[in-house]
Amino acid sequence: VVTALDESVGTIVQALRRADMLKNSIIVFMSDNG
């Protein structure tokens, strides 16, 4: 399950790069609790 989550993060960052948006983006990754 965590691997699928990690792959999702990669998908989003790549999408931002393709759209030429990554260079002006703030990406926050967090968990809501333990």
ModelCIF file with pLDDT and N, C-alpha, C, O atoms, coordinates in Angstrom:
data_MODEL
#
_entry.id   MODEL 
#
_entity.id                         1 
_entity.type                       polymer 
_entity.pdbx_number_of_molecules   1 
#
_entity_poly.entity_id                      1 
_entity_poly.type                           'polypeptide(L)' 
_entity_poly.nstd_linkage                   no 
_entity_poly.nstd_monomer                   no 
_entity_poly.pdbx_seq_one_letter_code       VVTALDESVGTIVQALRRADMLKNSIIVFMSDNG 
_entity_poly.pdbx_seq_one_letter_code_can   VVTALDESVGTIVQALRRADMLKNSIIVFMSDNG 
_entity_poly.pdbx_strand_id                 A 
#
loop_
_entity_poly_seq.entity_id 
_entity_poly_seq.num 
_entity_poly_seq.mon_id 
_entity_poly_seq.hetero 
1 1  VAL n 
1 2  VAL n 
1 3  THR n 
1 4  ALA n 
1 5  LEU n 
1 6  ASP n 
1 7  GLU n 
1 8  SER n 
1 9  VAL n 
1 10 GLY n 
1 11 THR n 
1 12 ILE n 
1 13 VAL n 
1 14 GLN n 
1 15 ALA n 
1 16 LEU n 
1 17 ARG n 
1 18 ARG n 
1 19 ALA n 
1 20 ASP n 
1 21 MET n 
1 22 LEU n 
1 23 LYS n 
1 24 ASN n 
1 25 SER n 
1 26 ILE n 
1 27 ILE n 
1 28 VAL n 
1 29 PHE n 
1 30 MET n 
1 31 SER n 
1 32 ASP n 
1 33 ASN n 
1 34 GLY n 
#
_struct_asym.id          A 
_struct_asym.entity_id   1 
#
loop_
_ma_qa_metric.id 
_ma_qa_metric.mode 
_ma_qa_metric.name 
_ma_qa_metric.software_group_id 
_ma_qa_metric.type 
1 global pLDDT . pLDDT 
2 local  pLDDT . pLDDT 
#
_ma_qa_metric_global.metric_id      1 
_ma_qa_metric_global.metric_value   97.91 
_ma_qa_metric_global.model_id       1 
_ma_qa_metric_global.ordinal_id     1 
#
loop_
_ma_qa_metric_local.label_asym_id 
_ma_qa_metric_local.label_comp_id 
_ma_qa_metric_local.label_seq_id 
_ma_qa_metric_local.metric_id 
_ma_qa_metric_local.metric_value 
_ma_qa_metric_local.model_id 
_ma_qa_metric_local.ordinal_id 
A VAL 1  2 98.00 1 1  
A VAL 2  2 98.00 1 2  
A THR 3  2 98.00 1 3  
A ALA 4  2 98.00 1 4  
A LEU 5  2 98.00 1 5  
A ASP 6  2 98.00 1 6  
A GLU 7  2 98.00 1 7  
A SER 8  2 98.00 1 8  
A VAL 9  2 98.00 1 9  
A GLY 10 2 98.00 1 10 
A THR 11 2 98.00 1 11 
A ILE 12 2 98.00 1 12 
A VAL 13 2 98.00 1 13 
A GLN 14 2 98.00 1 14 
A ALA 15 2 98.00 1 15 
A LEU 16 2 98.00 1 16 
A ARG 17 2 98.00 1 17 
A ARG 18 2 98.00 1 18 
A ALA 19 2 98.00 1 19 
A ASP 20 2 97.00 1 20 
A MET 21 2 98.00 1 21 
A LEU 22 2 98.00 1 22 
A LYS 23 2 97.00 1 23 
A ASN 24 2 98.00 1 24 
A SER 25 2 98.00 1 25 
A ILE 26 2 98.00 1 26 
A ILE 27 2 98.00 1 27 
A VAL 28 2 98.00 1 28 
A PHE 29 2 98.00 1 29 
A MET 30 2 98.00 1 30 
A SER 31 2 98.00 1 31 
A ASP 32 2 98.00 1 32 
A ASN 33 2 98.00 1 33 
A GLY 34 2 97.00 1 34 
#
loop_
_atom_site.group_PDB 
_atom_site.id 
_atom_site.type_symbol 
_atom_site.label_atom_id 
_atom_site.label_alt_id 
_atom_site.label_comp_id 
_atom_site.label_asym_id 
_atom_site.label_entity_id 
_atom_site.label_seq_id 
_atom_site.pdbx_PDB_ins_code 
_atom_site.Cartn_x 
_atom_site.Cartn_y 
_atom_site.Cartn_z 
_atom_site.occupancy 
_atom_site.B_iso_or_equiv 
_atom_site.pdbx_formal_charge 
_atom_site.auth_seq_id 
_atom_site.auth_comp_id 
_atom_site.auth_asym_id 
_atom_site.auth_atom_id 
_atom_site.pdbx_PDB_model_num 
ATOM 1   N N  . VAL A 1 1  ? 0.838  -1.203 0.000   1.00 98.00 ? 1  VAL A N  1 
ATOM 2   C CA . VAL A 1 1  ? 0.000  0.000  0.000   1.00 98.00 ? 1  VAL A CA 1 
ATOM 3   C C  . VAL A 1 1  ? 0.872  1.253  0.000   1.00 98.00 ? 1  VAL A C  1 
ATOM 4   O O  . VAL A 1 1  ? 0.581  2.210  -0.717  1.00 98.00 ? 1  VAL A O  1 
ATOM 5   N N  . VAL A 1 2  ? 1.937  1.254  0.796   1.00 98.00 ? 2  VAL A N  1 
ATOM 6   C CA . VAL A 1 2  ? 2.839  2.405  0.854   1.00 98.00 ? 2  VAL A CA 1 
ATOM 7   C C  . VAL A 1 2  ? 3.577  2.589  -0.470  1.00 98.00 ? 2  VAL A C  1 
ATOM 8   O O  . VAL A 1 2  ? 3.817  3.720  -0.892  1.00 98.00 ? 2  VAL A O  1 
ATOM 9   N N  . THR A 1 3  ? 3.936  1.492  -1.123  1.00 98.00 ? 3  THR A N  1 
ATOM 10  C CA . THR A 1 3  ? 4.606  1.586  -2.421  1.00 98.00 ? 3  THR A CA 1 
ATOM 11  C C  . THR A 1 3  ? 3.719  2.286  -3.446  1.00 98.00 ? 3  THR A C  1 
ATOM 12  O O  . THR A 1 3  ? 4.199  3.116  -4.219  1.00 98.00 ? 3  THR A O  1 
ATOM 13  N N  . ALA A 1 4  ? 2.437  1.959  -3.455  1.00 98.00 ? 4  ALA A N  1 
ATOM 14  C CA . ALA A 1 4  ? 1.504  2.634  -4.370  1.00 98.00 ? 4  ALA A CA 1 
ATOM 15  C C  . ALA A 1 4  ? 1.425  4.127  -4.047  1.00 98.00 ? 4  ALA A C  1 
ATOM 16  O O  . ALA A 1 4  ? 1.334  4.960  -4.949  1.00 98.00 ? 4  ALA A O  1 
ATOM 17  N N  . LEU A 1 5  ? 1.461  4.458  -2.759  1.00 98.00 ? 5  LEU A N  1 
ATOM 18  C CA . LEU A 1 5  ? 1.464  5.864  -2.340  1.00 98.00 ? 5  LEU A CA 1 
ATOM 19  C C  . LEU A 1 5  ? 2.720  6.564  -2.841  1.00 98.00 ? 5  LEU A C  1 
ATOM 20  O O  . LEU A 1 5  ? 2.653  7.678  -3.361  1.00 98.00 ? 5  LEU A O  1 
ATOM 21  N N  . ASP A 1 6  ? 3.852  5.916  -2.684  1.00 98.00 ? 6  ASP A N  1 
ATOM 22  C CA . ASP A 1 6  ? 5.113  6.506  -3.133  1.00 98.00 ? 6  ASP A CA 1 
ATOM 23  C C  . ASP A 1 6  ? 5.117  6.709  -4.647  1.00 98.00 ? 6  ASP A C  1 
ATOM 24  O O  . ASP A 1 6  ? 5.602  7.729  -5.139  1.00 98.00 ? 6  ASP A O  1 
ATOM 25  N N  . GLU A 1 7  ? 4.582  5.748  -5.378  1.00 98.00 ? 7  GLU A N  1 
ATOM 26  C CA . GLU A 1 7  ? 4.503  5.886  -6.833  1.00 98.00 ? 7  GLU A CA 1 
ATOM 27  C C  . GLU A 1 7  ? 3.608  7.063  -7.216  1.00 98.00 ? 7  GLU A C  1 
ATOM 28  O O  . GLU A 1 7  ? 3.875  7.755  -8.198  1.00 98.00 ? 7  GLU A O  1 
ATOM 29  N N  . SER A 1 8  ? 2.557  7.287  -6.445  1.00 98.00 ? 8  SER A N  1 
ATOM 30  C CA . SER A 1 8  ? 1.667  8.416  -6.693  1.00 98.00 ? 8  SER A CA 1 
ATOM 31  C C  . SER A 1 8  ? 2.420  9.739  -6.564  1.00 98.00 ? 8  SER A C  1 
ATOM 32  O O  . SER A 1 8  ? 2.216  10.658 -7.357  1.00 98.00 ? 8  SER A O  1 
ATOM 33  N N  . VAL A 1 9  ? 3.289  9.826  -5.561  1.00 98.00 ? 9  VAL A N  1 
ATOM 34  C CA . VAL A 1 9  ? 4.092  11.036 -5.386  1.00 98.00 ? 9  VAL A CA 1 
ATOM 35  C C  . VAL A 1 9  ? 4.949  11.276 -6.627  1.00 98.00 ? 9  VAL A C  1 
ATOM 36  O O  . VAL A 1 9  ? 5.041  12.405 -7.111  1.00 98.00 ? 9  VAL A O  1 
ATOM 37  N N  . GLY A 1 10 ? 5.571  10.228 -7.138  1.00 98.00 ? 10 GLY A N  1 
ATOM 38  C CA . GLY A 1 10 ? 6.374  10.359 -8.347  1.00 98.00 ? 10 GLY A CA 1 
ATOM 39  C C  . GLY A 1 10 ? 5.546  10.802 -9.539  1.00 98.00 ? 10 GLY A C  1 
ATOM 40  O O  . GLY A 1 10 ? 5.994  11.620 -10.342 1.00 98.00 ? 10 GLY A O  1 
ATOM 41  N N  . THR A 1 11 ? 4.350  10.269 -9.656  1.00 98.00 ? 11 THR A N  1 
ATOM 42  C CA . THR A 1 11 ? 3.451  10.640 -10.750 1.00 98.00 ? 11 THR A CA 1 
ATOM 43  C C  . THR A 1 11 ? 3.114  12.129 -10.720 1.00 98.00 ? 11 THR A C  1 
ATOM 44  O O  . THR A 1 11 ? 3.105  12.791 -11.758 1.00 98.00 ? 11 THR A O  1 
ATOM 45  N N  . ILE A 1 12 ? 2.839  12.647 -9.534  1.00 98.00 ? 12 ILE A N  1 
ATOM 46  C CA . ILE A 1 12 ? 2.457  14.055 -9.393  1.00 98.00 ? 12 ILE A CA 1 
ATOM 47  C C  . ILE A 1 12 ? 3.637  14.974 -9.708  1.00 98.00 ? 12 ILE A C  1 
ATOM 48  O O  . ILE A 1 12 ? 3.470  15.976 -10.404 1.00 98.00 ? 12 ILE A O  1 
ATOM 49  N N  . VAL A 1 13 ? 4.808  14.648 -9.211  1.00 98.00 ? 13 VAL A N  1 
ATOM 50  C CA . VAL A 1 13 ? 5.982  15.494 -9.455  1.00 98.00 ? 13 VAL A CA 1 
ATOM 51  C C  . VAL A 1 13 ? 6.316  15.508 -10.944 1.00 98.00 ? 13 VAL A C  1 
ATOM 52  O O  . VAL A 1 13 ? 6.666  16.549 -11.501 1.00 98.00 ? 13 VAL A O  1 
ATOM 53  N N  . GLN A 1 14 ? 6.206  14.345 -11.582 1.00 98.00 ? 14 GLN A N  1 
ATOM 54  C CA . GLN A 1 14 ? 6.455  14.294 -13.024 1.00 98.00 ? 14 GLN A CA 1 
ATOM 55  C C  . GLN A 1 14 ? 5.420  15.104 -13.798 1.00 98.00 ? 14 GLN A C  1 
ATOM 56  O O  . GLN A 1 14 ? 5.766  15.769 -14.775 1.00 98.00 ? 14 GLN A O  1 
ATOM 57  N N  . ALA A 1 15 ? 4.162  15.060 -13.379 1.00 98.00 ? 15 ALA A N  1 
ATOM 58  C CA . ALA A 1 15 ? 3.109  15.831 -14.042 1.00 98.00 ? 15 ALA A CA 1 
ATOM 59  C C  . ALA A 1 15 ? 3.385  17.324 -13.933 1.00 98.00 ? 15 ALA A C  1 
ATOM 60  O O  . ALA A 1 15 ? 3.176  18.068 -14.892 1.00 98.00 ? 15 ALA A O  1 
ATOM 61  N N  . LEU A 1 16 ? 3.850  17.761 -12.778 1.00 98.00 ? 16 LEU A N  1 
ATOM 62  C CA . LEU A 1 16 ? 4.205  19.172 -12.601 1.00 98.00 ? 16 LEU A CA 1 
ATOM 63  C C  . LEU A 1 16 ? 5.378  19.556 -13.508 1.00 98.00 ? 16 LEU A C  1 
ATOM 64  O O  . LEU A 1 16 ? 5.411  20.659 -14.053 1.00 98.00 ? 16 LEU A O  1 
ATOM 65  N N  . ARG A 1 17 ? 6.323  18.656 -13.662 1.00 98.00 ? 17 ARG A N  1 
ATOM 66  C CA . ARG A 1 17 ? 7.473  18.930 -14.539 1.00 98.00 ? 17 ARG A CA 1 
ATOM 67  C C  . ARG A 1 17 ? 7.020  19.047 -15.992 1.00 98.00 ? 17 ARG A C  1 
ATOM 68  O O  . ARG A 1 17 ? 7.447  19.957 -16.702 1.00 98.00 ? 17 ARG A O  1 
ATOM 69  N N  . ARG A 1 18 ? 6.165  18.139 -16.436 1.00 98.00 ? 18 ARG A N  1 
ATOM 70  C CA . ARG A 1 18 ? 5.692  18.174 -17.823 1.00 98.00 ? 18 ARG A CA 1 
ATOM 71  C C  . ARG A 1 18 ? 4.912  19.456 -18.118 1.00 98.00 ? 18 ARG A C  1 
ATOM 72  O O  . ARG A 1 18 ? 4.977  19.993 -19.224 1.00 98.00 ? 18 ARG A O  1 
ATOM 73  N N  . ALA A 1 19 ? 4.180  19.936 -17.124 1.00 98.00 ? 19 ALA A N  1 
ATOM 74  C CA . ALA A 1 19 ? 3.381  21.153 -17.289 1.00 98.00 ? 19 ALA A CA 1 
ATOM 75  C C  . ALA A 1 19 ? 4.200  22.416 -17.070 1.00 98.00 ? 19 ALA A C  1 
ATOM 76  O O  . ALA A 1 19 ? 3.663  23.522 -17.109 1.00 98.00 ? 19 ALA A O  1 
ATOM 77  N N  . ASP A 1 20 ? 5.491  22.255 -16.841 1.00 97.00 ? 20 ASP A N  1 
ATOM 78  C CA . ASP A 1 20 ? 6.398  23.386 -16.581 1.00 97.00 ? 20 ASP A CA 1 
ATOM 79  C C  . ASP A 1 20 ? 5.948  24.181 -15.355 1.00 97.00 ? 20 ASP A C  1 
ATOM 80  O O  . ASP A 1 20 ? 6.062  25.406 -15.328 1.00 97.00 ? 20 ASP A O  1 
ATOM 81  N N  . MET A 1 21 ? 5.438  23.480 -14.344 1.00 98.00 ? 21 MET A N  1 
ATOM 82  C CA . MET A 1 21 ? 4.962  24.116 -13.123 1.00 98.00 ? 21 MET A CA 1 
ATOM 83  C C  . MET A 1 21 ? 5.852  23.825 -11.921 1.00 98.00 ? 21 MET A C  1 
ATOM 84  O O  . MET A 1 21 ? 5.751  24.492 -10.891 1.00 98.00 ? 21 MET A O  1 
ATOM 85  N N  . LEU A 1 22 ? 6.716  22.838 -12.052 1.00 98.00 ? 22 LEU A N  1 
ATOM 86  C CA . LEU A 1 22 ? 7.495  22.395 -10.895 1.00 98.00 ? 22 LEU A CA 1 
ATOM 87  C C  . LEU A 1 22 ? 8.432  23.483 -10.391 1.00 98.00 ? 22 LEU A C  1 
ATOM 88  O O  . LEU A 1 22 ? 8.662  23.594 -9.187  1.00 98.00 ? 22 LEU A O  1 
ATOM 89  N N  . LYS A 1 23 ? 8.976  24.291 -11.306 1.00 97.00 ? 23 LYS A N  1 
ATOM 90  C CA . LYS A 1 23 ? 9.956  25.299 -10.912 1.00 97.00 ? 23 LYS A CA 1 
ATOM 91  C C  . LYS A 1 23 ? 9.347  26.420 -10.080 1.00 97.00 ? 23 LYS A C  1 
ATOM 92  O O  . LYS A 1 23 ? 10.077 27.197 -9.463  1.00 97.00 ? 23 LYS A O  1 
ATOM 93  N N  . ASN A 1 24 ? 8.026  26.514 -10.054 1.00 98.00 ? 24 ASN A N  1 
ATOM 94  C CA . ASN A 1 24 ? 7.361  27.526 -9.233  1.00 98.00 ? 24 ASN A CA 1 
ATOM 95  C C  . ASN A 1 24 ? 6.317  26.866 -8.335  1.00 98.00 ? 24 ASN A C  1 
ATOM 96  O O  . ASN A 1 24 ? 5.191  27.349 -8.212  1.00 98.00 ? 24 ASN A O  1 
ATOM 97  N N  . SER A 1 25 ? 6.706  25.767 -7.715  1.00 98.00 ? 25 SER A N  1 
ATOM 98  C CA . SER A 1 25 ? 5.780  25.017 -6.865  1.00 98.00 ? 25 SER A CA 1 
ATOM 99  C C  . SER A 1 25 ? 6.361  24.771 -5.483  1.00 98.00 ? 25 SER A C  1 
ATOM 100 O O  . SER A 1 25 ? 7.575  24.685 -5.298  1.00 98.00 ? 25 SER A O  1 
ATOM 101 N N  . ILE A 1 26 ? 5.464  24.662 -4.528  1.00 98.00 ? 26 ILE A N  1 
ATOM 102 C CA . ILE A 1 26 ? 5.788  24.212 -3.171  1.00 98.00 ? 26 ILE A CA 1 
ATOM 103 C C  . ILE A 1 26 ? 5.058  22.898 -2.966  1.00 98.00 ? 26 ILE A C  1 
ATOM 104 O O  . ILE A 1 26 ? 3.833  22.848 -3.077  1.00 98.00 ? 26 ILE A O  1 
ATOM 105 N N  . ILE A 1 27 ? 5.785  21.842 -2.671  1.00 98.00 ? 27 ILE A N  1 
ATOM 106 C CA . ILE A 1 27 ? 5.173  20.527 -2.443  1.00 98.00 ? 27 ILE A CA 1 
ATOM 107 C C  . ILE A 1 27 ? 5.409  20.140 -0.992  1.00 98.00 ? 27 ILE A C  1 
ATOM 108 O O  . ILE A 1 27 ? 6.550  20.058 -0.537  1.00 98.00 ? 27 ILE A O  1 
ATOM 109 N N  . VAL A 1 28 ? 4.330  19.905 -0.276  1.00 98.00 ? 28 VAL A N  1 
ATOM 110 C CA . VAL A 1 28 ? 4.404  19.476 1.120   1.00 98.00 ? 28 VAL A CA 1 
ATOM 111 C C  . VAL A 1 28 ? 3.913  18.040 1.199   1.00 98.00 ? 28 VAL A C  1 
ATOM 112 O O  . VAL A 1 28 ? 2.803  17.736 0.762   1.00 98.00 ? 28 VAL A O  1 
ATOM 113 N N  . PHE A 1 29 ? 4.728  17.164 1.748   1.00 98.00 ? 29 PHE A N  1 
ATOM 114 C CA . PHE A 1 29 ? 4.302  15.785 2.018   1.00 98.00 ? 29 PHE A CA 1 
ATOM 115 C C  . PHE A 1 29 ? 4.227  15.605 3.519   1.00 98.00 ? 29 PHE A C  1 
ATOM 116 O O  . PHE A 1 29 ? 5.148  15.984 4.242   1.00 98.00 ? 29 PHE A O  1 
ATOM 117 N N  . MET A 1 30 ? 3.127  15.025 3.991   1.00 98.00 ? 30 MET A N  1 
ATOM 118 C CA . MET A 1 30 ? 2.962  14.827 5.435   1.00 98.00 ? 30 MET A CA 1 
ATOM 119 C C  . MET A 1 30 ? 1.992  13.686 5.721   1.00 98.00 ? 30 MET A C  1 
ATOM 120 O O  . MET A 1 30 ? 1.259  13.229 4.844   1.00 98.00 ? 30 MET A O  1 
ATOM 121 N N  . SER A 1 31 ? 2.011  13.247 6.962   1.00 98.00 ? 31 SER A N  1 
ATOM 122 C CA . SER A 1 31 ? 0.997  12.318 7.466   1.00 98.00 ? 31 SER A CA 1 
ATOM 123 C C  . SER A 1 31 ? 0.107  13.067 8.437   1.00 98.00 ? 31 SER A C  1 
ATOM 124 O O  . SER A 1 31 ? 0.566  13.966 9.142   1.00 98.00 ? 31 SER A O  1 
ATOM 125 N N  . ASP A 1 32 ? -1.170 12.699 8.477   1.00 98.00 ? 32 ASP A N  1 
ATOM 126 C CA . ASP A 1 32 ? -2.101 13.397 9.375   1.00 98.00 ? 32 ASP A CA 1 
ATOM 127 C C  . ASP A 1 32 ? -1.894 13.028 10.831  1.00 98.00 ? 32 ASP A C  1 
ATOM 128 O O  . ASP A 1 32 ? -2.204 13.826 11.715  1.00 98.00 ? 32 ASP A O  1 
ATOM 129 N N  . ASN A 1 33 ? -1.385 11.852 11.098  1.00 98.00 ? 33 ASN A N  1 
ATOM 130 C CA . ASN A 1 33 ? -1.070 11.398 12.460  1.00 98.00 ? 33 ASN A CA 1 
ATOM 131 C C  . ASN A 1 33 ? -0.227 10.144 12.352  1.00 98.00 ? 33 ASN A C  1 
ATOM 132 O O  . ASN A 1 33 ? 0.104  9.705  11.251  1.00 98.00 ? 33 ASN A O  1 
ATOM 133 N N  . GLY A 1 34 ? 0.122  9.565  13.495  1.00 97.00 ? 34 GLY A N  1 
ATOM 134 C CA . GLY A 1 34 ? 0.959  8.380  13.484  1.00 97.00 ? 34 GLY A CA 1 
ATOM 135 C C  . GLY A 1 34 ? 0.219  7.138  13.030  1.00 97.00 ? 34 GLY A C  1 
ATOM 136 O O  . GLY A 1 34 ? 0.805  6.057  12.971  1.00 97.00 ? 34 GLY A O  1 
#
